Amino acid sequence: MGDPVTHFEIVAADPTALQAFYRDAFGWEVVAAGPTYAMVLPHADDGINGGVGAAPEGGASRVTVYIEVDDLHAALDRIEGLGGSTITAPLDVPNGPSIALFGDPEGHVIGLTKAATIRGR
């Protein structure tokens, strides 16, 4: 199997309302992880955790999936060689994982997360 999708993120203008929506619509546990961000836990053995939070100031609402890789820099190099582009170079999220963002050849924004930072491998 290739690198798995291990996290999703939904950001919006009204994160509190959206957190309540997903909690009520799907029974997801919503756990505060900052002033405008919450982790959502689907409680399914084969589901993935995610987050719902505020869009960056001036940013649009969006959904991003995160693919777990062993080496963020190597993955971005491979992506660029295949016609993608780096949007956000690797960075360490405070109290969170190491992440990066890339654009695929059609412009979709996808996230990467370093394997050891999400599942402790």
N, C-alpha and C. Protein backbone atom coordinates (compact mmCIF):
# COMPACT_ATOMS: atom_id res chain seq x y z
N MET A 1 0.83 -1.18 0.00
CA MET A 1 0.00 0.00 0.00
C MET A 1 0.88 1.24 0.00
N GLY A 2 0.44 2.26 -0.66
CA GLY A 2 1.17 3.53 -0.69
C GLY A 2 0.95 4.34 0.57
N ASP A 3 1.33 5.59 0.54
CA ASP A 3 1.18 6.48 1.68
C ASP A 3 -0.31 6.76 1.94
N PRO A 4 -0.78 6.60 3.19
CA PRO A 4 -2.21 6.74 3.49
C PRO A 4 -2.64 8.17 3.77
N VAL A 5 -3.92 8.46 3.53
CA VAL A 5 -4.54 9.69 4.00
C VAL A 5 -4.84 9.46 5.48
N THR A 6 -4.33 10.34 6.35
CA THR A 6 -4.47 10.12 7.79
C THR A 6 -5.16 11.26 8.52
N HIS A 7 -5.47 12.35 7.85
CA HIS A 7 -6.06 13.50 8.54
C HIS A 7 -6.78 14.36 7.52
N PHE A 8 -7.84 15.01 7.95
CA PHE A 8 -8.50 15.99 7.10
C PHE A 8 -8.69 17.27 7.91
N GLU A 9 -8.85 18.36 7.18
CA GLU A 9 -9.06 19.65 7.84
C GLU A 9 -10.09 20.44 7.06
N ILE A 10 -11.05 21.01 7.79
CA ILE A 10 -12.07 21.86 7.19
C ILE A 10 -11.95 23.22 7.87
N VAL A 11 -11.71 24.26 7.08
CA VAL A 11 -11.64 25.59 7.65
C VAL A 11 -12.75 26.45 7.04
N ALA A 12 -13.28 27.35 7.88
CA ALA A 12 -14.45 28.11 7.46
C ALA A 12 -14.51 29.45 8.16
N ALA A 13 -15.43 30.30 7.69
CA ALA A 13 -15.63 31.61 8.29
C ALA A 13 -16.21 31.50 9.70
N ASP A 14 -17.05 30.50 9.96
CA ASP A 14 -17.68 30.32 11.28
C ASP A 14 -17.36 28.91 11.78
N PRO A 15 -16.16 28.72 12.33
CA PRO A 15 -15.76 27.37 12.73
C PRO A 15 -16.62 26.78 13.85
N THR A 16 -17.12 27.59 14.76
CA THR A 16 -17.95 27.07 15.85
C THR A 16 -19.23 26.44 15.31
N ALA A 17 -19.87 27.12 14.37
CA ALA A 17 -21.09 26.58 13.77
C ALA A 17 -20.79 25.31 12.97
N LEU A 18 -19.67 25.31 12.27
CA LEU A 18 -19.32 24.13 11.47
C LEU A 18 -18.95 22.95 12.36
N GLN A 19 -18.28 23.20 13.47
CA GLN A 19 -17.97 22.12 14.41
C GLN A 19 -19.26 21.50 14.93
N ALA A 20 -20.24 22.32 15.30
CA ALA A 20 -21.53 21.82 15.77
C ALA A 20 -22.24 21.04 14.67
N PHE A 21 -22.18 21.53 13.45
CA PHE A 21 -22.81 20.84 12.33
C PHE A 21 -22.29 19.41 12.19
N TYR A 22 -20.96 19.26 12.13
CA TYR A 22 -20.38 17.93 11.96
C TYR A 22 -20.62 17.04 13.18
N ARG A 23 -20.60 17.61 14.37
CA ARG A 23 -20.91 16.85 15.58
C ARG A 23 -22.33 16.29 15.50
N ASP A 24 -23.29 17.15 15.16
CA ASP A 24 -24.69 16.75 15.15
C ASP A 24 -25.05 15.88 13.94
N ALA A 25 -24.43 16.15 12.80
CA ALA A 25 -24.75 15.39 11.59
C ALA A 25 -24.20 13.97 11.62
N PHE A 26 -23.01 13.78 12.22
CA PHE A 26 -22.35 12.48 12.14
C PHE A 26 -21.99 11.87 13.49
N GLY A 27 -22.29 12.54 14.59
CA GLY A 27 -21.97 12.00 15.90
C GLY A 27 -20.50 12.05 16.24
N TRP A 28 -19.75 12.95 15.60
CA TRP A 28 -18.32 13.05 15.85
C TRP A 28 -18.07 13.77 17.17
N GLU A 29 -17.08 13.32 17.91
CA GLU A 29 -16.65 14.02 19.11
C GLU A 29 -15.83 15.24 18.68
N VAL A 30 -16.11 16.38 19.27
CA VAL A 30 -15.41 17.63 18.95
C VAL A 30 -14.64 18.05 20.19
N VAL A 31 -13.32 18.16 20.08
CA VAL A 31 -12.45 18.47 21.21
C VAL A 31 -11.67 19.74 20.90
N ALA A 32 -11.85 20.77 21.72
CA ALA A 32 -11.16 22.04 21.50
C ALA A 32 -9.65 21.82 21.47
N ALA A 33 -8.99 22.44 20.48
CA ALA A 33 -7.53 22.34 20.35
C ALA A 33 -6.91 23.72 20.17
N GLY A 34 -7.67 24.74 20.47
CA GLY A 34 -7.23 26.12 20.34
C GLY A 34 -8.44 27.01 20.33
N PRO A 35 -8.25 28.31 20.27
CA PRO A 35 -9.39 29.22 20.35
C PRO A 35 -10.38 29.10 19.18
N THR A 36 -9.90 28.74 18.00
CA THR A 36 -10.80 28.64 16.84
C THR A 36 -10.65 27.31 16.12
N TYR A 37 -10.09 26.31 16.78
CA TYR A 37 -9.82 25.03 16.12
C TYR A 37 -10.24 23.90 17.05
N ALA A 38 -10.79 22.86 16.48
CA ALA A 38 -11.16 21.68 17.25
C ALA A 38 -10.81 20.43 16.47
N MET A 39 -10.38 19.41 17.19
CA MET A 39 -10.17 18.10 16.58
C MET A 39 -11.52 17.41 16.54
N VAL A 40 -11.77 16.68 15.46
CA VAL A 40 -12.99 15.88 15.37
C VAL A 40 -12.58 14.43 15.28
N LEU A 41 -13.23 13.62 16.09
CA LEU A 41 -12.88 12.21 16.21
C LEU A 41 -14.08 11.38 15.79
N PRO A 42 -14.02 10.72 14.64
CA PRO A 42 -15.18 10.00 14.12
C PRO A 42 -15.55 8.74 14.91
N HIS A 43 -14.67 8.21 15.74
CA HIS A 43 -14.92 6.99 16.52
C HIS A 43 -15.17 5.77 15.66
N ALA A 44 -14.51 5.68 14.56
CA ALA A 44 -14.62 4.49 13.71
C ALA A 44 -13.23 3.88 13.60
N ASP A 45 -13.17 2.56 13.70
CA ASP A 45 -11.88 1.89 13.63
C ASP A 45 -11.15 2.18 12.33
N ASP A 46 -11.90 2.37 11.26
CA ASP A 46 -11.24 2.59 9.97
C ASP A 46 -11.37 4.04 9.50
N GLY A 47 -11.87 4.92 10.35
CA GLY A 47 -11.99 6.33 10.00
C GLY A 47 -10.72 7.09 10.36
N ILE A 48 -10.63 8.31 9.92
CA ILE A 48 -9.48 9.14 10.25
C ILE A 48 -9.95 10.35 11.06
N ASN A 49 -9.07 10.87 11.89
CA ASN A 49 -9.37 12.06 12.65
C ASN A 49 -9.19 13.28 11.76
N GLY A 50 -9.73 14.39 12.21
CA GLY A 50 -9.60 15.61 11.45
C GLY A 50 -9.69 16.82 12.34
N GLY A 51 -9.80 17.96 11.72
CA GLY A 51 -9.92 19.21 12.45
C GLY A 51 -10.86 20.14 11.72
N VAL A 52 -11.56 20.98 12.51
CA VAL A 52 -12.42 22.02 11.96
C VAL A 52 -12.03 23.31 12.64
N GLY A 53 -11.68 24.31 11.84
CA GLY A 53 -11.22 25.56 12.43
C GLY A 53 -11.48 26.75 11.55
N ALA A 54 -10.97 27.89 11.99
CA ALA A 54 -11.14 29.14 11.27
C ALA A 54 -10.21 29.20 10.06
N ALA A 55 -10.74 29.71 8.97
CA ALA A 55 -9.90 29.96 7.80
C ALA A 55 -8.93 31.08 8.15
N PRO A 56 -7.71 31.01 7.60
CA PRO A 56 -6.77 32.11 7.85
C PRO A 56 -7.40 33.44 7.42
N GLU A 57 -7.04 34.52 8.11
CA GLU A 57 -7.62 35.82 7.79
C GLU A 57 -7.53 36.09 6.30
N GLY A 58 -8.68 36.37 5.71
CA GLY A 58 -8.75 36.64 4.28
C GLY A 58 -8.77 35.38 3.44
N GLY A 59 -8.63 34.21 4.06
CA GLY A 59 -8.61 32.95 3.32
C GLY A 59 -10.01 32.41 3.07
N ALA A 60 -10.11 31.60 2.08
CA ALA A 60 -11.38 30.99 1.72
C ALA A 60 -11.62 29.72 2.54
N SER A 61 -12.89 29.37 2.69
CA SER A 61 -13.24 28.08 3.28
C SER A 61 -12.71 26.99 2.36
N ARG A 62 -12.25 25.89 2.96
CA ARG A 62 -11.69 24.82 2.14
C ARG A 62 -11.64 23.52 2.93
N VAL A 63 -11.44 22.45 2.21
CA VAL A 63 -11.21 21.14 2.81
C VAL A 63 -9.85 20.66 2.30
N THR A 64 -9.02 20.18 3.21
CA THR A 64 -7.71 19.66 2.85
C THR A 64 -7.56 18.26 3.44
N VAL A 65 -7.08 17.33 2.65
CA VAL A 65 -6.72 16.01 3.17
C VAL A 65 -5.20 15.99 3.32
N TYR A 66 -4.73 15.23 4.31
CA TYR A 66 -3.30 15.12 4.58
C TYR A 66 -2.84 13.69 4.35
N ILE A 67 -1.79 13.55 3.59
CA ILE A 67 -1.19 12.26 3.27
C ILE A 67 0.05 12.10 4.13
N GLU A 68 0.14 10.97 4.79
CA GLU A 68 1.27 10.69 5.69
C GLU A 68 2.45 10.16 4.88
N VAL A 69 3.60 10.82 5.03
CA VAL A 69 4.82 10.41 4.34
C VAL A 69 5.97 10.34 5.35
N ASP A 70 7.00 9.61 5.01
CA ASP A 70 8.15 9.48 5.90
C ASP A 70 9.05 10.70 5.88
N ASP A 71 9.12 11.40 4.75
CA ASP A 71 10.04 12.52 4.59
C ASP A 71 9.35 13.62 3.78
N LEU A 72 9.03 14.73 4.42
CA LEU A 72 8.31 15.81 3.74
C LEU A 72 9.10 16.39 2.58
N HIS A 73 10.40 16.63 2.79
CA HIS A 73 11.23 17.23 1.73
C HIS A 73 11.32 16.30 0.52
N ALA A 74 11.53 15.02 0.75
CA ALA A 74 11.63 14.06 -0.36
C ALA A 74 10.31 13.97 -1.11
N ALA A 75 9.20 13.98 -0.38
CA ALA A 75 7.89 13.91 -1.03
C ALA A 75 7.66 15.15 -1.90
N LEU A 76 8.00 16.33 -1.39
CA LEU A 76 7.84 17.55 -2.18
C LEU A 76 8.73 17.56 -3.41
N ASP A 77 9.94 17.05 -3.28
CA ASP A 77 10.83 16.94 -4.45
C ASP A 77 10.21 16.03 -5.52
N ARG A 78 9.66 14.90 -5.08
CA ARG A 78 9.03 13.95 -6.00
C ARG A 78 7.81 14.60 -6.66
N ILE A 79 6.99 15.30 -5.87
CA ILE A 79 5.79 15.98 -6.38
C ILE A 79 6.17 17.03 -7.42
N GLU A 80 7.19 17.83 -7.14
CA GLU A 80 7.61 18.85 -8.10
C GLU A 80 8.13 18.21 -9.38
N GLY A 81 8.81 17.08 -9.28
CA GLY A 81 9.29 16.38 -10.46
C GLY A 81 8.17 15.82 -11.32
N LEU A 82 6.99 15.66 -10.73
CA LEU A 82 5.83 15.14 -11.45
C LEU A 82 4.88 16.24 -11.91
N GLY A 83 5.27 17.50 -11.74
CA GLY A 83 4.45 18.61 -12.22
C GLY A 83 3.64 19.31 -11.15
N GLY A 84 3.79 18.92 -9.89
CA GLY A 84 3.12 19.61 -8.80
C GLY A 84 3.98 20.77 -8.32
N SER A 85 3.51 21.46 -7.28
CA SER A 85 4.26 22.59 -6.76
C SER A 85 4.14 22.65 -5.24
N THR A 86 5.18 23.14 -4.60
CA THR A 86 5.16 23.35 -3.15
C THR A 86 4.40 24.64 -2.87
N ILE A 87 3.44 24.58 -1.98
CA ILE A 87 2.70 25.77 -1.57
C ILE A 87 3.20 26.25 -0.22
N THR A 88 3.37 25.33 0.72
CA THR A 88 3.93 25.64 2.04
C THR A 88 5.05 24.66 2.32
N ALA A 89 6.25 25.18 2.50
CA ALA A 89 7.39 24.33 2.83
C ALA A 89 7.16 23.66 4.19
N PRO A 90 7.86 22.57 4.47
CA PRO A 90 7.67 21.89 5.75
C PRO A 90 7.80 22.84 6.94
N LEU A 91 6.86 22.67 7.87
CA LEU A 91 6.88 23.46 9.10
C LEU A 91 6.34 22.61 10.24
N ASP A 92 6.75 22.97 11.45
CA ASP A 92 6.27 22.29 12.64
C ASP A 92 5.12 23.10 13.23
N VAL A 93 3.95 22.49 13.33
CA VAL A 93 2.80 23.14 13.94
C VAL A 93 3.00 23.11 15.46
N PRO A 94 2.84 24.23 16.17
CA PRO A 94 3.01 24.21 17.62
C PRO A 94 2.10 23.17 18.27
N ASN A 95 2.67 22.30 19.09
CA ASN A 95 1.94 21.21 19.74
C ASN A 95 1.25 20.29 18.75
N GLY A 96 1.77 20.21 17.54
CA GLY A 96 1.13 19.39 16.52
C GLY A 96 2.15 18.73 15.62
N PRO A 97 1.70 18.35 14.46
CA PRO A 97 2.57 17.62 13.54
C PRO A 97 3.45 18.53 12.69
N SER A 98 4.36 17.94 11.95
CA SER A 98 5.10 18.62 10.90
C SER A 98 4.29 18.45 9.63
N ILE A 99 4.06 19.56 8.92
CA ILE A 99 3.21 19.50 7.73
C ILE A 99 3.83 20.28 6.58
N ALA A 100 3.28 20.08 5.40
CA ALA A 100 3.59 20.87 4.20
C ALA A 100 2.34 20.84 3.33
N LEU A 101 2.23 21.78 2.42
CA LEU A 101 1.12 21.80 1.46
C LEU A 101 1.69 21.84 0.05
N PHE A 102 1.01 21.14 -0.86
CA PHE A 102 1.42 21.18 -2.26
C PHE A 102 0.20 21.34 -3.15
N GLY A 103 0.45 21.78 -4.37
CA GLY A 103 -0.58 21.84 -5.39
C GLY A 103 -0.32 20.74 -6.39
N ASP A 104 -1.38 20.02 -6.76
CA ASP A 104 -1.21 19.00 -7.79
C ASP A 104 -1.21 19.68 -9.16
N PRO A 105 -0.99 18.95 -10.25
CA PRO A 105 -0.92 19.60 -11.57
C PRO A 105 -2.18 20.36 -11.98
N GLU A 106 -3.34 20.06 -11.34
CA GLU A 106 -4.56 20.79 -11.67
C GLU A 106 -4.88 21.87 -10.65
N GLY A 107 -4.01 22.07 -9.66
CA GLY A 107 -4.19 23.16 -8.70
C GLY A 107 -4.88 22.80 -7.40
N HIS A 108 -5.23 21.53 -7.18
CA HIS A 108 -5.83 21.14 -5.91
C HIS A 108 -4.78 21.22 -4.81
N VAL A 109 -5.15 21.77 -3.66
CA VAL A 109 -4.23 21.87 -2.53
C VAL A 109 -4.39 20.63 -1.65
N ILE A 110 -3.28 19.95 -1.40
CA ILE A 110 -3.24 18.73 -0.61
C ILE A 110 -2.17 18.90 0.45
N GLY A 111 -2.40 18.32 1.62
CA GLY A 111 -1.43 18.41 2.69
C GLY A 111 -0.60 17.15 2.82
N LEU A 112 0.57 17.33 3.37
CA LEU A 112 1.45 16.22 3.74
C LEU A 112 1.71 16.33 5.23
N THR A 113 1.84 15.20 5.90
CA THR A 113 2.24 15.20 7.29
C THR A 113 3.31 14.14 7.50
N LYS A 114 4.27 14.45 8.34
CA LYS A 114 5.35 13.52 8.60
C LYS A 114 4.82 12.39 9.44
N ALA A 115 5.12 11.16 9.04
CA ALA A 115 4.57 9.96 9.66
C ALA A 115 4.67 9.94 11.17
N ALA A 116 5.82 10.21 11.72
CA ALA A 116 6.01 10.08 13.16
C ALA A 116 5.21 11.11 13.95
N THR A 117 4.76 12.18 13.33
CA THR A 117 4.10 13.23 14.08
C THR A 117 2.60 13.00 14.25
N ILE A 118 2.01 12.11 13.48
CA ILE A 118 0.57 11.87 13.60
C ILE A 118 0.29 10.61 14.42
N ARG A 119 0.94 9.53 14.09
CA ARG A 119 0.61 8.27 14.75
C ARG A 119 1.75 7.75 15.63
N GLY A 120 2.76 8.54 15.82
CA GLY A 120 3.83 8.13 16.74
C GLY A 120 4.67 6.97 16.28
N ARG A 121 4.75 6.74 14.95
CA ARG A 121 5.56 5.63 14.48
C ARG A 121 7.01 6.03 14.44
